C-alpha atoms as a PDB file:
ATOM      1  CA  UNK A   1     115.956  97.314  85.579  1.00  0.00           C
ATOM      2  CA  UNK A   2     118.883  94.880  85.547  1.00  0.00           C
ATOM      3  CA  UNK A   3     121.215  97.828  86.181  1.00  0.00           C
ATOM      4  CA  UNK A   4     119.161  98.807  89.220  1.00  0.00           C
ATOM      5  CA  UNK A   5     119.225  95.285  90.683  1.00  0.00           C
ATOM      6  CA  UNK A   6     122.978  95.149  90.135  1.00  0.00           C
ATOM      7  CA  UNK A   7     123.453  98.525  91.828  1.00  0.00           C
ATOM      8  CA  UNK A   8     121.312  97.503  94.798  1.00  0.00           C
ATOM      9  CA  UNK A   9     123.202  94.227  95.136  1.00  0.00           C
ATOM     10  CA  UNK A  10     126.555  96.028  95.106  1.00  0.00           C
ATOM     11  CA  UNK A  11     125.439  98.684  97.582  1.00  0.00           C
ATOM     12  CA  UNK A  12     124.066  96.126 100.034  1.00  0.00           C
ATOM     13  CA  UNK A  13     126.824  93.513  99.672  1.00  0.00           C
ATOM     14  CA  UNK A  14     128.004  94.142 103.261  1.00  0.00           C
ATOM     15  CA  UNK A  15     124.583  95.121 104.618  1.00  0.00           C
ATOM     16  CA  UNK A  16     125.683  98.710 105.220  1.00  0.00           C
ATOM     17  CA  UNK A  17     125.342 101.928 103.278  1.00  0.00           C
ATOM     18  CA  UNK A  18     128.512 103.970 103.763  1.00  0.00           C
ATOM     19  CA  UNK A  19     129.297 107.596 102.932  1.00  0.00           C
ATOM     20  CA  UNK A  20     131.195 106.455  99.818  1.00  0.00           C
ATOM     21  CA  UNK A  21     128.156 104.515  98.670  1.00  0.00           C
ATOM     22  CA  UNK A  22     125.940 107.556  99.249  1.00  0.00           C
ATOM     23  CA  UNK A  23     128.015 109.422  96.661  1.00  0.00           C
ATOM     24  CA  UNK A  24     127.261 106.612  94.223  1.00  0.00           C
ATOM     25  CA  UNK A  25     123.562 106.685  95.110  1.00  0.00           C
ATOM     26  CA  UNK A  26     123.512 110.453  94.586  1.00  0.00           C
ATOM     27  CA  UNK A  27     124.968 110.007  91.091  1.00  0.00           C
ATOM     28  CA  UNK A  28     122.270 107.428  90.311  1.00  0.00           C
ATOM     29  CA  UNK A  29     119.329 109.587  91.436  1.00  0.00           C
ATOM     30  CA  UNK A  30     120.689 112.676  89.674  1.00  0.00           C
ATOM     31  CA  UNK A  31     121.593 110.746  86.499  1.00  0.00           C
ATOM     32  CA  UNK A  32     118.473 111.574  84.500  1.00  0.00           C
ATOM     33  CA  UNK A  33     118.122 115.084  85.892  1.00  0.00           C
ATOM     34  CA  UNK A  34     114.611 114.490  87.241  1.00  0.00           C
ATOM     35  CA  UNK A  35     114.029 113.352  90.808  1.00  0.00           C
ATOM     36  CA  UNK A  36     110.915 111.212  90.865  1.00  0.00           C
ATOM     37  CA  UNK A  37     108.833 108.667  92.725  1.00  0.00           C
ATOM     38  CA  UNK A  38     110.919 105.771  91.345  1.00  0.00           C
ATOM     39  CA  UNK A  39     114.031 107.284  92.937  1.00  0.00           C
ATOM     40  CA  UNK A  40     112.240 107.494  96.288  1.00  0.00           C
ATOM     41  CA  UNK A  41     110.972 103.914  95.991  1.00  0.00           C
ATOM     42  CA  UNK A  42     114.521 102.713  95.242  1.00  0.00           C
ATOM     43  CA  UNK A  43     115.915 104.536  98.282  1.00  0.00           C
ATOM     44  CA  UNK A  44     113.162 103.128 100.503  1.00  0.00           C
ATOM     45  CA  UNK A  45     114.085  99.628  99.288  1.00  0.00           C
ATOM     46  CA  UNK A  46     117.731 100.283 100.153  1.00  0.00           C
ATOM     47  CA  UNK A  47     116.754 101.561 103.584  1.00  0.00           C
ATOM     48  CA  UNK A  48     114.569  98.518 104.212  1.00  0.00           C
ATOM     49  CA  UNK A  49     117.208  96.009 103.172  1.00  0.00           C
ATOM     50  CA  UNK A  50     120.252  97.643 104.776  1.00  0.00           C
ATOM     51  CA  UNK A  51     121.300  96.599 108.258  1.00  0.00           C
ATOM     52  CA  UNK A  52     122.884  99.994 108.813  1.00  0.00           C
ATOM     53  CA  UNK A  53     122.850 103.375 107.068  1.00  0.00           C
ATOM     54  CA  UNK A  54     125.217 106.283 107.611  1.00  0.00           C
ATOM     55  CA  UNK A  55     123.985 109.812 108.434  1.00  0.00           C
ATOM     56  CA  UNK A  56     124.895 110.914 104.898  1.00  0.00           C
ATOM     57  CA  UNK A  57     122.199 108.585 103.565  1.00  0.00           C
ATOM     58  CA  UNK A  58     119.533 110.455 105.536  1.00  0.00           C
ATOM     59  CA  UNK A  59     120.993 113.775 104.366  1.00  0.00           C
ATOM     60  CA  UNK A  60     120.328 112.657 100.784  1.00  0.00           C
ATOM     61  CA  UNK A  61     117.204 110.566 101.265  1.00  0.00           C
ATOM     62  CA  UNK A  62     114.927 112.588 103.536  1.00  0.00           C
ATOM     63  CA  UNK A  63     115.033 115.902 101.611  1.00  0.00           C
ATOM     64  CA  UNK A  64     114.618 113.986  98.344  1.00  0.00           C
ATOM     65  CA  UNK A  65     111.608 112.126  99.703  1.00  0.00           C
ATOM     66  CA  UNK A  66     110.081 115.365 100.989  1.00  0.00           C
ATOM     67  CA  UNK A  67     110.644 117.088  97.633  1.00  0.00           C
ATOM     68  CA  UNK A  68     109.146 114.271  95.570  1.00  0.00           C
ATOM     69  CA  UNK A  69     106.154 113.641  97.843  1.00  0.00           C
ATOM     70  CA  UNK A  70     105.259 117.331  97.982  1.00  0.00           C
ATOM     71  CA  UNK A  71     105.904 118.033  94.295  1.00  0.00           C
ATOM     72  CA  UNK A  72     102.180 118.500  93.624  1.00  0.00           C
ATOM     73  CA  UNK A  73     101.330 119.482  97.206  1.00  0.00           C
ATOM     74  CA  UNK A  74      99.309 116.309  97.762  1.00  0.00           C
ATOM     75  CA  UNK A  75      99.980 113.042  99.567  1.00  0.00           C
ATOM     76  CA  UNK A  76      98.107 110.359  97.606  1.00  0.00           C
ATOM     77  CA  UNK A  77      97.686 106.646  98.349  1.00  0.00           C
ATOM     78  CA  UNK A  78     100.860 105.584  96.499  1.00  0.00           C
ATOM     79  CA  UNK A  79     102.903 108.208  98.320  1.00  0.00           C
ATOM     80  CA  UNK A  80     101.314 107.212 101.608  1.00  0.00           C
ATOM     81  CA  UNK A  81     102.246 103.574 100.949  1.00  0.00           C
ATOM     82  CA  UNK A  82     105.915 104.370 100.285  1.00  0.00           C
ATOM     83  CA  UNK A  83     105.955 106.555 103.398  1.00  0.00           C
ATOM     84  CA  UNK A  84     104.621 103.678 105.518  1.00  0.00           C
ATOM     85  CA  UNK A  85     107.193 101.356 103.913  1.00  0.00           C
ATOM     86  CA  UNK A  86     109.927 103.803 104.966  1.00  0.00           C
ATOM     87  CA  UNK A  87     108.597 103.967 108.522  1.00  0.00           C
ATOM     88  CA  UNK A  88     108.605 100.194 109.007  1.00  0.00           C
ATOM     89  CA  UNK A  89     112.001  99.682 107.340  1.00  0.00           C
ATOM     90  CA  UNK A  90     114.560  98.616 109.897  1.00  0.00           C
ATOM     91  CA  UNK A  91     111.983  97.725 112.523  1.00  0.00           C
ATOM     92  CA  UNK A  92     111.967 101.073 114.349  1.00  0.00           C
ATOM     93  CA  UNK A  93     110.746 104.550 113.477  1.00  0.00           C
ATOM     94  CA  UNK A  94     113.638 106.992 113.631  1.00  0.00           C
ATOM     95  CA  UNK A  95     113.285 110.575 114.886  1.00  0.00           C
ATOM     96  CA  UNK A  96     114.382 111.889 111.483  1.00  0.00           C
ATOM     97  CA  UNK A  97     111.476 110.005 109.908  1.00  0.00           C
ATOM     98  CA  UNK A  98     108.995 111.386 112.444  1.00  0.00           C
ATOM     99  CA  UNK A  99     110.253 114.878 111.666  1.00  0.00           C
ATOM    100  CA  UNK A 100     109.703 114.258 107.947  1.00  0.00           C
ATOM    101  CA  UNK A 101     106.125 113.074 108.535  1.00  0.00           C
ATOM    102  CA  UNK A 102     105.390 116.154 110.654  1.00  0.00           C
ATOM    103  CA  UNK A 103     106.748 118.406 107.886  1.00  0.00           C
ATOM    104  CA  UNK A 104     104.690 116.590 105.258  1.00  0.00           C
ATOM    105  CA  UNK A 105     101.534 116.978 107.332  1.00  0.00           C
ATOM    106  CA  UNK A 106     102.113 120.720 107.719  1.00  0.00           C
ATOM    107  CA  UNK A 107     103.088 121.408 104.115  1.00  0.00           C
ATOM    108  CA  UNK A 108     100.736 119.128 102.164  1.00  0.00           C
ATOM    109  CA  UNK A 109      97.720 120.897 100.707  1.00  0.00           C
ATOM    110  CA  UNK A 110      95.748 117.665 100.336  1.00  0.00           C
ATOM    111  CA  UNK A 111      96.101 114.264 102.016  1.00  0.00           C
ATOM    112  CA  UNK A 112      94.247 110.989 102.421  1.00  0.00           C
ATOM    113  CA  UNK A 113      92.259 110.134 105.563  1.00  0.00           C
ATOM    114  CA  UNK A 114      94.754 107.307 106.127  1.00  0.00           C
ATOM    115  CA  UNK A 115      97.654 109.741 106.069  1.00  0.00           C
ATOM    116  CA  UNK A 116      95.941 111.905 108.682  1.00  0.00           C
ATOM    117  CA  UNK A 117      95.352 108.860 110.925  1.00  0.00           C
ATOM    118  CA  UNK A 118      98.993 107.867 110.479  1.00  0.00           C
ATOM    119  CA  UNK A 119     100.095 111.366 111.489  1.00  0.00           C
ATOM    120  CA  UNK A 120      97.874 111.328 114.582  1.00  0.00           C
ATOM    121  CA  UNK A 121      99.363 108.007 115.673  1.00  0.00           C
ATOM    122  CA  UNK A 122     102.918 109.166 115.020  1.00  0.00           C
ATOM    123  CA  UNK A 123     102.431 112.470 116.818  1.00  0.00           C
ATOM    124  CA  UNK A 124     101.582 110.461 119.928  1.00  0.00           C
ATOM    125  CA  UNK A 125     105.168 109.134 119.909  1.00  0.00           C
ATOM    126  CA  UNK A 126     107.277 111.338 122.178  1.00  0.00           C
ATOM    127  CA  UNK A 127     110.145 113.173 120.493  1.00  0.00           C
ATOM    128  CA  UNK A 128     113.552 112.280 121.755  1.00  0.00           C
END
């Protein structure tokens, strides 16, 4: 845990996540060979605390989040909570995040009523 706090502190020292830092993040999440919910939660924390993220961060983060959340085909309450945390990080919902939610809604075999309500609200946001 101390290692993780140190890593987060170093990555966010300037408030930005750069392409070079994404390479370091990738090494961290691939370190144990198993992508899991803790990796997603860590990346959501980084996203929420960063003032700016580079496109390479999304290229790593969004597919990883999709993979982990759909691992069992279901979106449960914990997964829904981390998804909402991602959506509110940074103060604005990005188009890439809306796309992820749409994909999750289509591909999930089981969801919570709250997730379905969230999807309905998000689908009302015009793409663009």
